[in-house]
């Protein structure tokens, strides 16, 4: 499994779906995402089956868990992966809102970036973030991501247009980061 200093990432299990569905119905969580409206049980089941079929091919999707615990507190994904050009999009959210501001998001980013740029040997990982999500932007910057540009009117949310920011991290920038990589942390994650 993939581990950070505070979290470990594991494949999704069917038993995790109720937690994920709850997060995607939470207005606070949804305000931070450029995702569609909440989904029903049948759609959630289809998502689960599709992510199982795609895992390790064009996508990697993981449940985020605190070290020493099995229950998920969030979600992270890498994909679709452009293997030819060594590039992939990253998406993340901490669904348990009482865990916001505790460093789990930044640690999750670091763990997944180590996996993508280290183990998968990608050249570039990129993401989109709503410009109103200052907490996430700070987290991405702490993890080494650099703003590339503004995505104007990315999303229509609550009756107004919201801009986004595209950010990326390149392999050479990641290599130069002064922090331990996931494989240097040792120990069992769960």
Protein backbone atom coordinates (compact mmCIF):
# COMPACT_ATOMS: atom_id res chain seq x y z
CA UNK A 1 0.00 0.00 0.00
CA UNK A 2 0.93 3.64 -0.34
CA UNK A 3 1.73 5.48 2.86
CA UNK A 4 2.44 8.98 4.04
CA UNK A 5 3.38 10.32 7.45
CA UNK A 6 -0.25 10.56 8.64
CA UNK A 7 -2.25 8.54 6.10
CA UNK A 8 -2.18 5.45 3.96
CA UNK A 9 -3.97 4.87 0.68
CA UNK A 10 -5.77 1.65 -0.12
CA UNK A 11 -8.08 0.41 -2.87
CA UNK A 12 -11.77 1.14 -2.42
CA UNK A 13 -13.96 -1.58 -0.96
CA UNK A 14 -17.69 -1.94 -1.42
CA UNK A 15 -18.14 -1.35 2.33
CA UNK A 16 -16.71 2.19 1.82
CA UNK A 17 -19.50 3.30 -0.51
CA UNK A 18 -21.88 4.63 2.19
CA UNK A 19 -19.15 6.94 3.53
CA UNK A 20 -18.33 8.19 0.03
CA UNK A 21 -22.03 8.80 -0.71
CA UNK A 22 -22.37 10.78 2.54
CA UNK A 23 -19.39 12.97 1.62
CA UNK A 24 -20.81 13.66 -1.84
CA UNK A 25 -24.07 14.83 -0.25
CA UNK A 26 -22.29 17.23 2.12
CA UNK A 27 -22.65 20.83 0.94
CA UNK A 28 -19.31 21.82 2.48
CA UNK A 29 -17.46 19.06 0.64
CA UNK A 30 -19.27 19.70 -2.64
CA UNK A 31 -18.45 23.42 -2.49
CA UNK A 32 -14.76 22.50 -2.85
CA UNK A 33 -15.19 20.15 -5.82
CA UNK A 34 -15.84 20.58 -9.50
CA UNK A 35 -17.99 17.44 -9.37
CA UNK A 36 -21.59 16.88 -10.45
CA UNK A 37 -24.45 16.85 -7.96
CA UNK A 38 -24.75 13.96 -5.48
CA UNK A 39 -25.37 10.54 -6.94
CA UNK A 40 -27.73 7.71 -6.02
CA UNK A 41 -26.99 4.16 -4.88
CA UNK A 42 -27.16 2.68 -8.40
CA UNK A 43 -24.73 5.27 -9.75
CA UNK A 44 -22.43 4.70 -6.78
CA UNK A 45 -22.41 0.95 -7.51
CA UNK A 46 -21.60 1.61 -11.19
CA UNK A 47 -18.76 3.92 -10.14
CA UNK A 48 -17.38 1.19 -7.88
CA UNK A 49 -17.48 -1.47 -10.61
CA UNK A 50 -15.90 0.90 -13.16
CA UNK A 51 -13.09 1.93 -10.84
CA UNK A 52 -12.36 -1.74 -10.11
CA UNK A 53 -12.07 -2.46 -13.84
CA UNK A 54 -9.87 0.60 -14.49
CA UNK A 55 -7.61 0.35 -11.43
CA UNK A 56 -3.97 0.17 -12.45
CA UNK A 57 -4.67 0.80 -16.14
CA UNK A 58 -5.78 4.35 -16.87
CA UNK A 59 -6.70 5.22 -13.29
CA UNK A 60 -5.62 4.72 -9.70
CA UNK A 61 -8.32 5.51 -7.14
CA UNK A 62 -7.75 5.13 -3.42
CA UNK A 63 -9.53 5.54 -0.12
CA UNK A 64 -7.57 7.78 2.26
CA UNK A 65 -7.21 6.34 5.78
CA UNK A 66 -5.44 7.61 8.90
CA UNK A 67 -2.38 5.52 9.78
CA UNK A 68 -3.42 2.61 11.96
CA UNK A 69 -7.07 2.79 10.87
CA UNK A 70 -9.10 1.08 8.16
CA UNK A 71 -12.03 3.48 7.77
CA UNK A 72 -11.69 6.08 5.01
CA UNK A 73 -11.65 9.82 5.67
CA UNK A 74 -11.32 10.88 2.04
CA UNK A 75 -10.60 10.01 -1.56
CA UNK A 76 -7.76 10.54 -3.99
CA UNK A 77 -7.29 9.61 -7.63
CA UNK A 78 -4.69 9.75 -10.35
CA UNK A 79 -6.03 9.61 -13.88
CA UNK A 80 -6.74 9.37 -16.61
CA UNK A 81 -3.07 8.59 -17.12
CA UNK A 82 -1.48 9.57 -20.42
CA UNK A 83 1.23 6.90 -20.44
CA UNK A 84 2.77 8.13 -23.70
CA UNK A 85 3.40 11.63 -22.34
CA UNK A 86 3.84 10.64 -18.69
CA UNK A 87 1.06 12.87 -17.40
CA UNK A 88 -1.95 12.40 -15.14
CA UNK A 89 -4.57 14.48 -13.37
CA UNK A 90 -4.81 14.31 -9.58
CA UNK A 91 -8.05 14.70 -7.65
CA UNK A 92 -8.47 14.71 -3.88
CA UNK A 93 -10.91 15.51 -1.13
CA UNK A 94 -11.08 14.85 2.58
CA UNK A 95 -14.73 13.92 3.06
CA UNK A 96 -14.72 13.90 6.86
CA UNK A 97 -15.00 17.64 7.42
CA UNK A 98 -13.96 17.39 11.09
CA UNK A 99 -10.57 16.21 9.77
CA UNK A 100 -10.00 19.36 7.68
CA UNK A 101 -7.02 21.49 8.65
CA UNK A 102 -5.09 18.62 10.26
CA UNK A 103 -2.60 18.02 7.44
CA UNK A 104 -4.26 14.89 6.04
CA UNK A 105 -4.80 16.49 2.63
CA UNK A 106 -1.20 17.61 2.20
CA UNK A 107 0.09 14.24 3.40
CA UNK A 108 -2.26 12.46 0.97
CA UNK A 109 -0.94 14.65 -1.86
CA UNK A 110 2.64 13.83 -0.95
CA UNK A 111 1.93 10.09 -0.81
CA UNK A 112 0.12 10.00 -4.16
CA UNK A 113 2.69 12.24 -5.86
CA UNK A 114 5.47 9.94 -4.60
CA UNK A 115 3.58 7.02 -6.11
CA UNK A 116 2.91 8.78 -9.43
CA UNK A 117 6.27 10.42 -10.03
CA UNK A 118 8.32 7.77 -8.22
CA UNK A 119 6.81 4.34 -8.74
CA UNK A 120 4.86 5.04 -11.95
CA UNK A 121 7.68 7.24 -13.33
CA UNK A 122 5.32 9.95 -14.60
CA UNK A 123 6.80 13.28 -15.70
CA UNK A 124 3.93 15.57 -14.71
CA UNK A 125 0.97 15.52 -12.35
CA UNK A 126 -1.60 18.26 -12.70
CA UNK A 127 -4.82 19.32 -11.01
CA UNK A 128 -7.61 21.86 -11.11
CA UNK A 129 -8.81 23.71 -8.03
CA UNK A 130 -11.56 26.28 -7.55
CA UNK A 131 -9.98 29.67 -6.94
CA UNK A 132 -12.27 30.07 -3.92
CA UNK A 133 -10.70 27.04 -2.20
CA UNK A 134 -7.81 28.80 -0.44
CA UNK A 135 -7.18 25.88 1.96
CA UNK A 136 -6.62 23.47 -0.93
CA UNK A 137 -4.44 25.92 -2.86
CA UNK A 138 -2.17 26.31 0.21
CA UNK A 139 -1.99 22.53 0.53
CA UNK A 140 -1.07 22.09 -3.14
CA UNK A 141 1.61 24.78 -2.88
CA UNK A 142 3.05 23.11 0.25
CA UNK A 143 3.24 19.86 -1.75
CA UNK A 144 5.23 21.64 -4.48
CA UNK A 145 2.53 22.36 -7.08
CA UNK A 146 2.91 25.50 -9.20
CA UNK A 147 0.03 27.52 -10.70
CA UNK A 148 -0.03 27.33 -14.50
CA UNK A 149 -3.03 29.51 -15.25
CA UNK A 150 -6.63 30.48 -14.62
CA UNK A 151 -9.53 28.41 -15.93
CA UNK A 152 -12.15 31.09 -16.39
CA UNK A 153 -15.78 30.22 -15.59
CA UNK A 154 -14.83 26.63 -14.83
CA UNK A 155 -18.00 25.91 -12.91
CA UNK A 156 -21.44 27.42 -12.36
CA UNK A 157 -22.03 27.10 -8.63
CA UNK A 158 -24.73 28.66 -6.44
CA UNK A 159 -25.90 30.99 -9.19
CA UNK A 160 -22.51 32.38 -10.17
CA UNK A 161 -19.52 31.44 -12.28
CA UNK A 162 -16.43 30.24 -10.41
CA UNK A 163 -12.94 30.32 -11.87
CA UNK A 164 -10.40 27.59 -11.36
CA UNK A 165 -6.64 27.38 -11.23
CA UNK A 166 -4.62 24.71 -13.00
CA UNK A 167 -1.52 23.62 -11.11
CA UNK A 168 1.17 21.04 -11.80
CA UNK A 169 4.24 19.39 -10.37
CA UNK A 170 7.06 18.11 -12.59
CA UNK A 171 9.39 15.22 -11.80
CA UNK A 172 12.51 17.40 -11.38
CA UNK A 173 10.62 19.79 -9.06
CA UNK A 174 9.41 16.81 -7.00
CA UNK A 175 12.90 15.30 -6.80
CA UNK A 176 14.23 18.57 -5.36
CA UNK A 177 11.59 18.77 -2.59
CA UNK A 178 13.23 18.64 0.87
CA UNK A 179 10.98 15.98 2.39
CA UNK A 180 11.15 12.20 2.83
CA UNK A 181 9.52 10.19 0.07
CA UNK A 182 6.84 7.63 0.94
CA UNK A 183 9.16 4.64 0.60
CA UNK A 184 11.59 6.22 3.10
CA UNK A 185 8.98 6.29 5.87
CA UNK A 186 8.95 2.52 6.53
CA UNK A 187 6.59 0.64 8.79
CA UNK A 188 3.18 -0.86 8.18
CA UNK A 189 0.44 1.56 7.18
CA UNK A 190 -2.72 -0.05 8.46
